[in-house]
PDB file of N, CA and C in Angstrom:
ATOM      1  N   MET A   1     123.728  89.702 193.526  1.00  0.00           N
ATOM      2  CA  MET A   1     124.500  90.885 193.167  1.00  0.00           C
ATOM      3  C   MET A   1     123.875  92.102 193.853  1.00  0.00           C
ATOM      4  N   ALA A   2     124.674  93.023 194.315  1.00  0.00           N
ATOM      5  CA  ALA A   2     124.204  94.250 194.947  1.00  0.00           C
ATOM      6  C   ALA A   2     124.571  95.450 194.075  1.00  0.00           C
ATOM      7  N   VAL A   3     123.882  96.548 194.285  1.00  0.00           N
ATOM      8  CA  VAL A   3     124.196  97.781 193.578  1.00  0.00           C
ATOM      9  C   VAL A   3     125.520  98.326 194.119  1.00  0.00           C
ATOM     10  N   LYS A   4     126.468  98.611 193.195  1.00  0.00           N
ATOM     11  CA  LYS A   4     127.800  99.070 193.592  1.00  0.00           C
ATOM     12  C   LYS A   4     128.261 100.203 192.678  1.00  0.00           C
ATOM     13  N   VAL A   5     129.006 101.153 193.244  1.00  0.00           N
ATOM     14  CA  VAL A   5     129.622 102.205 192.441  1.00  0.00           C
ATOM     15  C   VAL A   5     130.466 101.539 191.356  1.00  0.00           C
ATOM     16  N   GLY A   6     130.419 102.094 190.163  1.00  0.00           N
ATOM     17  CA  GLY A   6     131.167 101.550 189.035  1.00  0.00           C
ATOM     18  C   GLY A   6     130.333 100.739 188.068  1.00  0.00           C
ATOM     19  N   MET A   7     129.102 100.371 188.469  1.00  0.00           N
ATOM     20  CA  MET A   7     128.238  99.622 187.554  1.00  0.00           C
ATOM     21  C   MET A   7     127.941 100.484 186.326  1.00  0.00           C
ATOM     22  N   THR A   8     127.851  99.846 185.156  1.00  0.00           N
ATOM     23  CA  THR A   8     127.608 100.578 183.916  1.00  0.00           C
ATOM     24  C   THR A   8     126.449  99.977 183.145  1.00  0.00           C
ATOM     25  N   GLY A   9     125.840 100.805 182.324  1.00  0.00           N
ATOM     26  CA  GLY A   9     124.755 100.365 181.457  1.00  0.00           C
ATOM     27  C   GLY A   9     124.794 101.123 180.153  1.00  0.00           C
ATOM     28  N   GLU A  10     124.095 100.578 179.174  1.00  0.00           N
ATOM     29  CA  GLU A  10     124.071 101.165 177.834  1.00  0.00           C
ATOM     30  C   GLU A  10     122.692 100.976 177.235  1.00  0.00           C
ATOM     31  N   ALA A  11     122.267 101.937 176.428  1.00  0.00           N
ATOM     32  CA  ALA A  11     121.010 101.842 175.688  1.00  0.00           C
ATOM     33  C   ALA A  11     121.239 102.449 174.310  1.00  0.00           C
ATOM     34  N   ASN A  12     120.559 101.896 173.318  1.00  0.00           N
ATOM     35  CA  ASN A  12     120.756 102.312 171.928  1.00  0.00           C
ATOM     36  C   ASN A  12     119.427 102.569 171.240  1.00  0.00           C
ATOM     37  N   THR A  13     119.466 103.452 170.237  1.00  0.00           N
ATOM     38  CA  THR A  13     118.304 103.689 169.391  1.00  0.00           C
ATOM     39  C   THR A  13     118.772 104.208 168.045  1.00  0.00           C
ATOM     40  N   VAL A  14     117.856 104.266 167.111  1.00  0.00           N
ATOM     41  CA  VAL A  14     118.090 104.871 165.809  1.00  0.00           C
ATOM     42  C   VAL A  14     117.179 106.087 165.719  1.00  0.00           C
ATOM     43  N   VAL A  15     117.696 107.185 165.210  1.00  0.00           N
ATOM     44  CA  VAL A  15     116.880 108.388 165.074  1.00  0.00           C
ATOM     45  C   VAL A  15     115.890 108.187 163.929  1.00  0.00           C
ATOM     46  N   VAL A  16     114.617 108.284 164.273  1.00  0.00           N
ATOM     47  CA  VAL A  16     113.508 108.246 163.312  1.00  0.00           C
ATOM     48  C   VAL A  16     112.663 109.493 163.559  1.00  0.00           C
ATOM     49  N   TYR A  17     111.746 109.785 162.661  1.00  0.00           N
ATOM     50  CA  TYR A  17     110.952 111.003 162.811  1.00  0.00           C
ATOM     51  C   TYR A  17     110.290 111.078 164.189  1.00  0.00           C
ATOM     52  N   GLU A  18     109.785 109.960 164.690  1.00  0.00           N
ATOM     53  CA  GLU A  18     109.044 109.945 165.951  1.00  0.00           C
ATOM     54  C   GLU A  18     109.879 110.365 167.161  1.00  0.00           C
ATOM     55  N   ASN A  19     111.218 110.276 167.105  1.00  0.00           N
ATOM     56  CA  ASN A  19     112.020 110.715 168.242  1.00  0.00           C
ATOM     57  C   ASN A  19     112.819 111.993 167.930  1.00  0.00           C
ATOM     58  N   THR A  20     112.285 112.792 167.006  1.00  0.00           N
ATOM     59  CA  THR A  20     112.914 114.075 166.689  1.00  0.00           C
ATOM     60  C   THR A  20     112.266 115.208 167.470  1.00  0.00           C
ATOM     61  N   ALA A  21     112.959 116.328 167.517  1.00  0.00           N
ATOM     62  CA  ALA A  21     112.415 117.530 168.155  1.00  0.00           C
ATOM     63  C   ALA A  21     111.132 117.970 167.458  1.00  0.00           C
ATOM     64  N   ALA A  22     111.073 117.811 166.147  1.00  0.00           N
ATOM     65  CA  ALA A  22     109.870 118.203 165.400  1.00  0.00           C
ATOM     66  C   ALA A  22     108.654 117.386 165.831  1.00  0.00           C
ATOM     67  N   ALA A  23     108.848 116.109 166.058  1.00  0.00           N
ATOM     68  CA  ALA A  23     107.726 115.227 166.405  1.00  0.00           C
ATOM     69  C   ALA A  23     107.132 115.543 167.765  1.00  0.00           C
ATOM     70  N   VAL A  24     107.942 116.035 168.686  1.00  0.00           N
ATOM     71  CA  VAL A  24     107.427 116.323 170.036  1.00  0.00           C
ATOM     72  C   VAL A  24     107.153 117.803 170.248  1.00  0.00           C
ATOM     73  N   GLY A  25     107.231 118.595 169.188  1.00  0.00           N
ATOM     74  CA  GLY A  25     106.920 120.013 169.299  1.00  0.00           C
ATOM     75  C   GLY A  25     107.965 120.797 170.065  1.00  0.00           C
ATOM     76  N   ALA A  26     109.217 120.393 169.935  1.00  0.00           N
ATOM     77  CA  ALA A  26     110.298 121.072 170.665  1.00  0.00           C
ATOM     78  C   ALA A  26     111.266 121.731 169.686  1.00  0.00           C
ATOM     79  N   GLY A  27     110.759 122.634 168.878  1.00  0.00           N
ATOM     80  CA  GLY A  27     111.643 123.382 168.001  1.00  0.00           C
ATOM     81  C   GLY A  27     111.433 123.175 166.519  1.00  0.00           C
ATOM     82  N   GLY A  28     110.734 122.126 166.141  1.00  0.00           N
ATOM     83  CA  GLY A  28     110.406 121.938 164.741  1.00  0.00           C
ATOM     84  C   GLY A  28     111.521 121.429 163.857  1.00  0.00           C
ATOM     85  N   VAL A  29     112.628 120.982 164.436  1.00  0.00           N
ATOM     86  CA  VAL A  29     113.755 120.501 163.633  1.00  0.00           C
ATOM     87  C   VAL A  29     113.772 118.976 163.654  1.00  0.00           C
ATOM     88  N   GLU A  30     114.017 118.383 162.501  1.00  0.00           N
ATOM     89  CA  GLU A  30     114.028 116.922 162.394  1.00  0.00           C
ATOM     90  C   GLU A  30     115.407 116.364 162.737  1.00  0.00           C
ATOM     91  N   VAL A  31     115.775 116.511 164.027  1.00  0.00           N
ATOM     92  CA  VAL A  31     116.993 115.935 164.602  1.00  0.00           C
ATOM     93  C   VAL A  31     116.594 115.289 165.920  1.00  0.00           C
ATOM     94  N   PHE A  32     117.456 114.422 166.452  1.00  0.00           N
ATOM     95  CA  PHE A  32     117.185 113.710 167.698  1.00  0.00           C
ATOM     96  C   PHE A  32     116.810 114.719 168.783  1.00  0.00           C
ATOM     97  N   GLY A  33     115.650 114.524 169.385  1.00  0.00           N
ATOM     98  CA  GLY A  33     115.144 115.457 170.379  1.00  0.00           C
ATOM     99  C   GLY A  33     115.810 115.291 171.737  1.00  0.00           C
ATOM    100  N   THR A  34     115.964 116.401 172.427  1.00  0.00           N
ATOM    101  CA  THR A  34     116.559 116.365 173.766  1.00  0.00           C
ATOM    102  C   THR A  34     115.760 115.475 174.719  1.00  0.00           C
ATOM    103  N   PRO A  35     114.418 115.524 174.719  1.00  0.00           N
ATOM    104  CA  PRO A  35     113.687 114.626 175.621  1.00  0.00           C
ATOM    105  C   PRO A  35     113.981 113.151 175.358  1.00  0.00           C
ATOM    106  N   MET A  36     114.186 112.797 174.092  1.00  0.00           N
ATOM    107  CA  MET A  36     114.487 111.405 173.754  1.00  0.00           C
ATOM    108  C   MET A  36     115.898 111.025 174.167  1.00  0.00           C
ATOM    109  N   MET A  37     116.835 111.972 174.059  1.00  0.00           N
ATOM    110  CA  MET A  37     118.194 111.705 174.513  1.00  0.00           C
ATOM    111  C   MET A  37     118.204 111.469 176.015  1.00  0.00           C
ATOM    112  N   ILE A  38     117.465 112.294 176.752  1.00  0.00           N
ATOM    113  CA  ILE A  38     117.383 112.124 178.204  1.00  0.00           C
ATOM    114  C   ILE A  38     116.760 110.770 178.542  1.00  0.00           C
ATOM    115  N   ALA A  39     115.695 110.399 177.845  1.00  0.00           N
ATOM    116  CA  ALA A  39     115.062 109.098 178.096  1.00  0.00           C
ATOM    117  C   ALA A  39     116.035 107.955 177.840  1.00  0.00           C
ATOM    118  N   LEU A  40     116.842 108.071 176.797  1.00  0.00           N
ATOM    119  CA  LEU A  40     117.827 107.032 176.496  1.00  0.00           C
ATOM    120  C   LEU A  40     118.887 106.954 177.593  1.00  0.00           C
ATOM    121  N   MET A  41     119.303 108.098 178.104  1.00  0.00           N
ATOM    122  CA  MET A  41     120.265 108.130 179.212  1.00  0.00           C
ATOM    123  C   MET A  41     119.655 107.507 180.466  1.00  0.00           C
ATOM    124  N   GLU A  42     118.384 107.815 180.742  1.00  0.00           N
ATOM    125  CA  GLU A  42     117.709 107.215 181.893  1.00  0.00           C
ATOM    126  C   GLU A  42     117.641 105.693 181.743  1.00  0.00           C
ATOM    127  N   ASN A  43     117.381 105.232 180.526  1.00  0.00           N
ATOM    128  CA  ASN A  43     117.321 103.795 180.293  1.00  0.00           C
ATOM    129  C   ASN A  43     118.674 103.145 180.531  1.00  0.00           C
ATOM    130  N   ALA A  44     119.744 103.806 180.104  1.00  0.00           N
ATOM    131  CA  ALA A  44     121.094 103.280 180.341  1.00  0.00           C
ATOM    132  C   ALA A  44     121.381 103.195 181.838  1.00  0.00           C
ATOM    133  N   ALA A  45     120.950 104.204 182.603  1.00  0.00           N
ATOM    134  CA  ALA A  45     121.159 104.196 184.057  1.00  0.00           C
ATOM    135  C   ALA A  45     120.373 103.058 184.703  1.00  0.00           C
ATOM    136  N   TRP A  46     119.136 102.881 184.299  1.00  0.00           N
ATOM    137  CA  TRP A  46     118.327 101.780 184.830  1.00  0.00           C
ATOM    138  C   TRP A  46     119.005 100.438 184.522  1.00  0.00           C
ATOM    139  N   ARG A  47     119.460 100.275 183.285  1.00  0.00           N
ATOM    140  CA  ARG A  47     120.124  99.024 182.896  1.00  0.00           C
ATOM    141  C   ARG A  47     121.390  98.777 183.712  1.00  0.00           C
ATOM    142  N   ALA A  48     122.060  99.844 184.130  1.00  0.00           N
ATOM    143  CA  ALA A  48     123.294  99.698 184.903  1.00  0.00           C
ATOM    144  C   ALA A  48     123.049  98.978 186.221  1.00  0.00           C
ATOM    145  N   VAL A  49     121.902  99.215 186.847  1.00  0.00           N
ATOM    146  CA  VAL A  49     121.694  98.704 188.211  1.00  0.00           C
ATOM    147  C   VAL A  49     120.598  97.660 188.351  1.00  0.00           C
ATOM    148  N   VAL A  50     119.812  97.435 187.331  1.00  0.00           N
ATOM    149  CA  VAL A  50     118.637  96.569 187.474  1.00  0.00           C
ATOM    150  C   VAL A  50     118.984  95.179 188.016  1.00  0.00           C
ATOM    151  N   ASP A  51     120.093  94.616 187.599  1.00  0.00           N
ATOM    152  CA  ASP A  51     120.458  93.276 188.061  1.00  0.00           C
ATOM    153  C   ASP A  51     120.957  93.257 189.499  1.00  0.00           C
ATOM    154  N   GLY A  52     121.270  94.430 190.063  1.00  0.00           N
ATOM    155  CA  GLY A  52     121.738  94.511 191.435  1.00  0.00           C
ATOM    156  C   GLY A  52     120.647  94.822 192.446  1.00  0.00           C
ATOM    157  N   LEU A  53     119.424  95.039 191.971  1.00  0.00           N
ATOM    158  CA  LEU A  53     118.325  95.374 192.871  1.00  0.00           C
ATOM    159  C   LEU A  53     117.777  94.124 193.546  1.00  0.00           C
ATOM    160  N   GLU A  54     117.220  94.310 194.733  1.00  0.00           N
ATOM    161  CA  GLU A  54     116.577  93.218 195.446  1.00  0.00           C
ATOM    162  C   GLU A  54     115.186  92.968 194.868  1.00  0.00           C
ATOM    163  N   GLU A  55     114.658  91.799 195.136  1.00  0.00           N
ATOM    164  CA  GLU A  55     113.308  91.435 194.699  1.00  0.00           C
ATOM    165  C   GLU A  55     112.316  92.515 195.131  1.00  0.00           C
ATOM    166  N   GLY A  56     111.496  92.987 194.193  1.00  0.00           N
ATOM    167  CA  GLY A  56     110.475  93.981 194.495  1.00  0.00           C
ATOM    168  C   GLY A  56     110.945  95.415 194.402  1.00  0.00           C
ATOM    169  N   GLN A  57     112.238  95.635 194.154  1.00  0.00           N
ATOM    170  CA  GLN A  57     112.749  96.993 194.037  1.00  0.00           C
ATOM    171  C   GLN A  57     112.795  97.436 192.576  1.00  0.00           C
ATOM    172  N   VAL A  58     112.594  98.734 192.361  1.00  0.00           N
ATOM    173  CA  VAL A  58     112.772  99.372 191.063  1.00  0.00           C
ATOM    174  C   VAL A  58     113.470 100.701 191.330  1.00  0.00           C
ATOM    175  N   THR A  59     113.878 101.373 190.270  1.00  0.00           N
ATOM    176  CA  THR A  59     114.414 102.719 190.431  1.00  0.00           C
ATOM    177  C   THR A  59     113.528 103.694 189.678  1.00  0.00           C
ATOM    178  N   VAL A  60     113.442 104.905 190.205  1.00  0.00           N
ATOM    179  CA  VAL A  60     112.684 105.971 189.547  1.00  0.00           C
ATOM    180  C   VAL A  60     113.594 107.180 189.385  1.00  0.00           C
ATOM    181  N   GLY A  61     113.476 107.841 188.248  1.00  0.00           N
ATOM    182  CA  GLY A  61     114.279 109.017 187.988  1.00  0.00           C
ATOM    183  C   GLY A  61     113.784 110.208 188.787  1.00  0.00           C
ATOM    184  N   THR A  62     114.727 111.003 189.313  1.00  0.00           N
ATOM    185  CA  THR A  62     114.359 112.159 190.119  1.00  0.00           C
ATOM    186  C   THR A  62     115.040 113.451 189.682  1.00  0.00           C
ATOM    187  N   VAL A  63     116.234 113.368 189.106  1.00  0.00           N
ATOM    188  CA  VAL A  63     116.969 114.567 188.702  1.00  0.00           C
ATOM    189  C   VAL A  63     117.696 114.283 187.389  1.00  0.00           C
ATOM    190  N   VAL A  64     117.639 115.257 186.479  1.00  0.00           N
ATOM    191  CA  VAL A  64     118.476 115.211 185.279  1.00  0.00           C
ATOM    192  C   VAL A  64     119.161 116.564 185.130  1.00  0.00           C
ATOM    193  N   ASN A  65     120.444 116.531 184.856  1.00  0.00           N
ATOM    194  CA  ASN A  65     121.230 117.724 184.591  1.00  0.00           C
ATOM    195  C   ASN A  65     122.059 117.405 183.352  1.00  0.00           C
ATOM    196  N   ILE A  66     121.507 117.726 182.200  1.00  0.00           N
ATOM    197  CA  ILE A  66     122.034 117.235 180.926  1.00  0.00           C
ATOM    198  C   ILE A  66     122.340 118.393 179.983  1.00  0.00           C
ATOM    199  N   ARG A  67     123.435 118.252 179.238  1.00  0.00           N
ATOM    200  CA  ARG A  67     123.745 119.166 178.139  1.00  0.00           C
ATOM    201  C   ARG A  67     123.557 118.414 176.825  1.00  0.00           C
ATOM    202  N   HIS A  68     122.821 119.009 175.887  1.00  0.00           N
ATOM    203  CA  HIS A  68     122.691 118.452 174.544  1.00  0.00           C
ATOM    204  C   HIS A  68     123.686 119.218 173.679  1.00  0.00           C
ATOM    205  N   LEU A  69     124.767 118.543 173.254  1.00  0.00           N
ATOM    206  CA  LEU A  69     125.924 119.197 172.660  1.00  0.00           C
ATOM    207  C   LEU A  69     125.920 119.278 171.142  1.00  0.00           C
ATOM    208  N   ALA A  70     125.217 118.365 170.475  1.00  0.00           N
ATOM    209  CA  ALA A  70     125.284 118.332 169.012  1.00  0.00           C
ATOM    210  C   ALA A  70     124.017 117.706 168.448  1.00  0.00           C
ATOM    211  N   ALA A  71     123.663 118.122 167.254  1.00  0.00           N
ATOM    212  CA  ALA A  71     122.473 117.606 166.569  1.00  0.00           C
ATOM    213  C   ALA A  71     122.789 116.282 165.872  1.00  0.00           C
ATOM    214  N   THR A  72     121.791 115.387 165.876  1.00  0.00           N
ATOM    215  CA  THR A  72     121.934 114.088 165.226  1.00  0.00           C
ATOM    216  C   THR A  72     120.782 113.913 164.236  1.00  0.00           C
ATOM    217  N   PRO A  73     121.088 113.720 162.943  1.00  0.00           N
ATOM    218  CA  PRO A  73     120.031 113.607 161.937  1.00  0.00           C
ATOM    219  C   PRO A  73     119.339 112.239 161.949  1.00  0.00           C
ATOM    220  N   ILE A  74     118.197 112.208 161.302  1.00  0.00           N
ATOM    221  CA  ILE A  74     117.447 110.964 161.114  1.00  0.00           C
ATOM    222  C   ILE A  74     118.349 109.934 160.446  1.00  0.00           C
ATOM    223  N   GLY A  75     118.240 108.690 160.914  1.00  0.00           N
ATOM    224  CA  GLY A  75     118.995 107.577 160.344  1.00  0.00           C
ATOM    225  C   GLY A  75     120.230 107.191 161.120  1.00  0.00           C
ATOM    226  N   GLN A  76     120.724 108.072 161.978  1.00  0.00           N
ATOM    227  CA  GLN A  76     121.933 107.746 162.733  1.00  0.00           C
ATOM    228  C   GLN A  76     121.610 106.933 163.983  1.00  0.00           C
ATOM    229  N   ASN A  77     122.568 106.119 164.387  1.00  0.00           N
ATOM    230  CA  ASN A  77     122.475 105.367 165.635  1.00  0.00           C
ATOM    231  C   ASN A  77     122.924 106.256 166.786  1.00  0.00           C
ATOM    232  N   VAL A  78     122.253 106.126 167.924  1.00  0.00           N
ATOM    233  CA  VAL A  78     122.620 106.853 169.131  1.00  0.00           C
ATOM    234  C   VAL A  78     122.812 105.840 170.255  1.00  0.00           C
ATOM    235  N   ARG A  79     123.886 106.023 171.021  1.00  0.00           N
ATOM    236  CA  ARG A  79     124.210 105.143 172.151  1.00  0.00           C
ATOM    237  C   ARG A  79     124.369 105.992 173.395  1.00  0.00           C
ATOM    238  N   ALA A  80     123.651 105.629 174.446  1.00  0.00           N
ATOM    239  CA  ALA A  80     123.796 106.304 175.737  1.00  0.00           C
ATOM    240  C   ALA A  80     124.491 105.361 176.706  1.00  0.00           C
ATOM    241  N   THR A  81     125.355 105.936 177.531  1.00  0.00           N
ATOM    242  CA  THR A  81     126.047 105.157 178.556  1.00  0.00           C
ATOM    243  C   THR A  81     125.789 105.795 179.918  1.00  0.00           C
ATOM    244  N   ALA A  82     125.828 104.961 180.948  1.00  0.00           N
ATOM    245  CA  ALA A  82     125.657 105.445 182.317  1.00  0.00           C
ATOM    246  C   ALA A  82     126.620 104.698 183.223  1.00  0.00           C
ATOM    247  N   GLU A  83     127.221 105.429 184.153  1.00  0.00           N
ATOM    248  CA  GLU A  83     128.083 104.818 185.160  1.00  0.00           C
ATOM    249  C   GLU A  83     127.628 105.303 186.528  1.00  0.00           C
ATOM    250  N   LEU A  84     127.382 104.357 187.421  1.00  0.00           N
ATOM    251  CA  LEU A  84     126.991 104.694 188.781  1.00  0.00           C
ATOM    252  C   LEU A  84     128.208 105.243 189.516  1.00  0.00           C
ATOM    253  N   THR A  85     128.125 106.519 189.942  1.00  0.00           N
ATOM    254  CA  THR A  85     129.276 107.180 190.558  1.00  0.00           C
ATOM    255  C   THR A  85     129.110 107.417 192.051  1.00  0.00           C
ATOM    256  N   GLU A  86     127.881 107.346 192.548  1.00  0.00           N
ATOM    257  CA  GLU A  86     127.644 107.632 193.969  1.00  0.00           C
ATOM    258  C   GLU A  86     126.395 106.913 194.446  1.00  0.00           C
ATOM    259  N   ILE A  87     126.471 106.387 195.664  1.00  0.00           N
ATOM    260  CA  ILE A  87     125.312 105.794 196.333  1.00  0.00           C
ATOM    261  C   ILE A  87     125.174 106.489 197.676  1.00  0.00           C
ATOM    262  N   ASP A  88     124.002 107.057 197.930  1.00  0.00           N
ATOM    263  CA  ASP A  88     123.714 107.733 199.193  1.00  0.00           C
ATOM    264  C   ASP A  88     122.381 107.195 199.700  1.00  0.00           C
ATOM    265  N   GLY A  89     122.435 106.106 200.453  1.00  0.00           N
ATOM    266  CA  GLY A  89     121.202 105.445 200.873  1.00  0.00           C
ATOM    267  C   GLY A  89     120.499 104.864 199.661  1.00  0.00           C
ATOM    268  N   ARG A  90     119.278 105.334 199.406  1.00  0.00           N
ATOM    269  CA  ARG A  90     118.516 104.862 198.247  1.00  0.00           C
ATOM    270  C   ARG A  90     118.771 105.719 197.004  1.00  0.00           C
ATOM    271  N   ARG A  91     119.503 106.818 197.145  1.00  0.00           N
ATOM    272  CA  ARG A  91     119.790 107.747 196.045  1.00  0.00           C
ATOM    273  C   ARG A  91     121.010 107.267 195.262  1.00  0.00           C
ATOM    274  N   LEU A  92     120.844 107.187 193.948  1.00  0.00           N
ATOM    275  CA  LEU A  92     121.905 106.746 193.044  1.00  0.00           C
ATOM    276  C   LEU A  92     122.234 107.886 192.088  1.00  0.00           C
ATOM    277  N   VAL A  93     123.516 108.169 191.903  1.00  0.00           N
ATOM    278  CA  VAL A  93     123.952 109.232 191.001  1.00  0.00           C
ATOM    279  C   VAL A  93     124.758 108.603 189.870  1.00  0.00           C
ATOM    280  N   PHE A  94     124.428 108.995 188.647  1.00  0.00           N
ATOM    281  CA  PHE A  94     125.069 108.445 187.457  1.00  0.00           C
ATOM    282  C   PHE A  94     125.722 109.544 186.623  1.00  0.00           C
ATOM    283  N   LYS A  95     126.877 109.225 186.051  1.00  0.00           N
ATOM    284  CA  LYS A  95     127.458 110.026 184.977  1.00  0.00           C
ATOM    285  C   LYS A  95     126.868 109.452 183.692  1.00  0.00           C
ATOM    286  N   VAL A  96     126.269 110.303 182.857  1.00  0.00           N
ATOM    287  CA  VAL A  96     125.650 109.827 181.623  1.00  0.00           C
ATOM    288  C   VAL A  96     126.237 110.562 180.422  1.00  0.00           C
ATOM    289  N   GLU A  97     126.322 109.847 179.321  1.00  0.00           N
ATOM    290  CA  GLU A  97     126.807 110.412 178.066  1.00  0.00           C
ATOM    291  C   GLU A  97     126.022 109.802 176.914  1.00  0.00           C
ATOM    292  N   ALA A  98     125.969 110.524 175.795  1.00  0.00           N
ATOM    293  CA  ALA A  98     125.334 110.002 174.584  1.00  0.00           C
ATOM    294  C   ALA A  98     126.218 110.314 173.388  1.00  0.00           C
ATOM    295  N   TYR A  99     126.241 109.373 172.456  1.00  0.00           N
ATOM    296  CA  TYR A  99     127.072 109.478 171.257  1.00  0.00           C
ATOM    297  C   TYR A  99     126.256 109.099 170.033  1.00  0.00           C
ATOM    298  N   ASP A 100     126.470 109.830 168.931  1.00  0.00           N
ATOM    299  CA  ASP A 100     125.933 109.352 167.661  1.00  0.00           C
ATOM    300  C   ASP A 100     127.082 108.709 166.892  1.00  0.00           C
ATOM    301  N   GLU A 101     126.919 108.521 165.618  1.00  0.00           N
ATOM    302  CA  GLU A 101     127.940 107.830 164.836  1.00  0.00           C
ATOM    303  C   GLU A 101     129.194 108.679 164.612  1.00  0.00           C
ATOM    304  N   ARG A 102     129.114 109.972 164.936  1.00  0.00           N
ATOM    305  CA  ARG A 102     130.249 110.872 164.690  1.00  0.00           C
ATOM    306  C   ARG A 102     130.899 111.413 165.949  1.00  0.00           C
ATOM    307  N   GLN A 103     130.116 111.630 167.015  1.00  0.00           N
ATOM    308  CA  GLN A 103     130.647 112.404 168.131  1.00  0.00           C
ATOM    309  C   GLN A 103     129.813 112.245 169.397  1.00  0.00           C
ATOM    310  N   LYS A 104     130.331 112.805 170.476  1.00  0.00           N
ATOM    311  CA  LYS A 104     129.547 112.894 171.704  1.00  0.00           C
ATOM    312  C   LYS A 104     128.471 113.949 171.483  1.00  0.00           C
ATOM    313  N   ILE A 105     127.230 113.611 171.811  1.00  0.00           N
ATOM    314  CA  ILE A 105     126.129 114.554 171.594  1.00  0.00           C
ATOM    315  C   ILE A 105     125.507 115.041 172.902  1.00  0.00           C
ATOM    316  N   GLY A 106     125.866 114.414 174.024  1.00  0.00           N
ATOM    317  CA  GLY A 106     125.293 114.859 175.287  1.00  0.00           C
ATOM    318  C   GLY A 106     126.047 114.295 176.465  1.00  0.00           C
ATOM    319  N   ASP A 107     125.944 115.014 177.595  1.00  0.00           N
ATOM    320  CA  ASP A 107     126.537 114.500 178.824  1.00  0.00           C
ATOM    321  C   ASP A 107     125.878 115.173 180.024  1.00  0.00           C
ATOM    322  N   GLY A 108     126.160 114.636 181.194  1.00  0.00           N
ATOM    323  CA  GLY A 108     125.620 115.220 182.413  1.00  0.00           C
ATOM    324  C   GLY A 108     125.513 114.201 183.524  1.00  0.00           C
ATOM    325  N   THR A 109     124.617 114.500 184.458  1.00  0.00           N
ATOM    326  CA  THR A 109     124.370 113.596 185.577  1.00  0.00           C
ATOM    327  C   THR A 109     122.883 113.295 185.666  1.00  0.00           C
ATOM    328  N   HIS A 110     122.593 112.166 186.259  1.00  0.00           N
ATOM    329  CA  HIS A 110     121.209 111.715 186.427  1.00  0.00           C
ATOM    330  C   HIS A 110     121.109 111.023 187.775  1.00  0.00           C
ATOM    331  N   GLU A 111     120.043 111.322 188.519  1.00  0.00           N
ATOM    332  CA  GLU A 111     119.816 110.683 189.806  1.00  0.00           C
ATOM    333  C   GLU A 111     118.552 109.837 189.755  1.00  0.00           C
ATOM    334  N   ARG A 112     118.626 108.700 190.419  1.00  0.00           N
ATOM    335  CA  ARG A 112     117.491 107.799 190.548  1.00  0.00           C
ATOM    336  C   ARG A 112     117.389 107.387 192.007  1.00  0.00           C
ATOM    337  N   PHE A 113     116.199 107.004 192.432  1.00  0.00           N
ATOM    338  CA  PHE A 113     115.985 106.502 193.785  1.00  0.00           C
ATOM    339  C   PHE A 113     115.515 105.063 193.709  1.00  0.00           C
ATOM    340  N   ILE A 114     116.014 104.244 194.606  1.00  0.00           N
ATOM    341  CA  ILE A 114     115.524 102.875 194.735  1.00  0.00           C
ATOM    342  C   ILE A 114     114.245 102.924 195.564  1.00  0.00           C
ATOM    343  N   VAL A 115     113.179 102.328 195.038  1.00  0.00           N
ATOM    344  CA  VAL A 115     111.910 102.256 195.761  1.00  0.00           C
ATOM    345  C   VAL A 115     111.397 100.828 195.716  1.00  0.00           C
ATOM    346  N   HIS A 116     110.534 100.506 196.674  1.00  0.00           N
ATOM    347  CA  HIS A 116     109.833  99.224 196.645  1.00  0.00           C
ATOM    348  C   HIS A 116     108.588  99.415 195.799  1.00  0.00           C
ATOM    349  N   LEU A 117     108.460  98.657 194.735  1.00  0.00           N
ATOM    350  CA  LEU A 117     107.402  98.854 193.755  1.00  0.00           C
ATOM    351  C   LEU A 117     106.015  98.830 194.395  1.00  0.00           C
ATOM    352  N   ASP A 118     105.717  97.857 195.226  1.00  0.00           N
ATOM    353  CA  ASP A 118     104.380  97.760 195.819  1.00  0.00           C
ATOM    354  C   ASP A 118     104.049  99.000 196.643  1.00  0.00           C
ATOM    355  N   ARG A 119     104.966  99.433 197.487  1.00  0.00           N
ATOM    356  CA  ARG A 119     104.729 100.622 198.314  1.00  0.00           C
ATOM    357  C   ARG A 119     104.573 101.867 197.444  1.00  0.00           C
ATOM    358  N   PHE A 120     105.388 101.972 196.418  1.00  0.00           N
ATOM    359  CA  PHE A 120     105.328 103.108 195.500  1.00  0.00           C
ATOM    360  C   PHE A 120     103.966 103.173 194.808  1.00  0.00           C
ATOM    361  N   LEU A 121     103.521 102.035 194.277  1.00  0.00           N
ATOM    362  CA  LEU A 121     102.227 102.000 193.581  1.00  0.00           C
ATOM    363  C   LEU A 121     101.071 102.287 194.534  1.00  0.00           C
ATOM    364  N   ASN A 122     101.145 101.733 195.750  1.00  0.00           N
ATOM    365  CA  ASN A 122     100.097 102.013 196.735  1.00  0.00           C
ATOM    366  C   ASN A 122     100.025 103.495 197.060  1.00  0.00           C
ATOM    367  N   ARG A 123     101.167 104.122 197.202  1.00  0.00           N
ATOM    368  CA  ARG A 123     101.199 105.543 197.540  1.00  0.00           C
ATOM    369  C   ARG A 123     100.582 106.391 196.440  1.00  0.00           C
ATOM    370  N   ILE A 124     100.889 106.102 195.184  1.00  0.00           N
ATOM    371  CA  ILE A 124     100.343 106.936 194.109  1.00  0.00           C
ATOM    372  C   ILE A 124      98.876 106.633 193.837  1.00  0.00           C
ATOM    373  N   GLN A 125      98.421 105.423 194.119  1.00  0.00           N
ATOM    374  CA  GLN A 125      97.010 105.090 193.946  1.00  0.00           C
ATOM    375  C   GLN A 125      96.139 105.758 194.989  1.00  0.00           C
ATOM    376  N   ASN A 126      96.712 106.113 196.122  1.00  0.00           N
ATOM    377  CA  ASN A 126      95.955 106.739 197.203  1.00  0.00           C
ATOM    378  C   ASN A 126      96.044 108.260 197.184  1.00  0.00           C
ATOM    379  N   LEU A 127      96.508 108.837 196.111  1.00  0.00           N
ATOM    380  CA  LEU A 127      96.588 110.300 196.029  1.00  0.00           C
ATOM    381  C   LEU A 127      95.235 110.899 195.760  1.00  0.00           C
TER     382      LEU A 127
END
């Protein structure tokens, strides 16, 4: 399988204290934190393409442009979705969205780059 426009992925979590804004020092409110929503969206994007990568390839996140639209309290389920909308060489662009049990809570775009894991690790070890 190869990476193709239209591939989709999904990631899910439950809001607990550890993934709230209060827990990460981002506002002190016990609702799903924006950094955690972004991480969930990144995971959905990775899941969208992981099966299409060649042996030894991984993707790394490079750009996030996200809106956090609504607060989600502790105990609710959150689902992030990603759709691959553009391929430009090794650059992958995704439309991402997040939903809680009531509504859409976030949306935006996310970019990832395909890299060869061994070369990537060698480069960062030699910094």
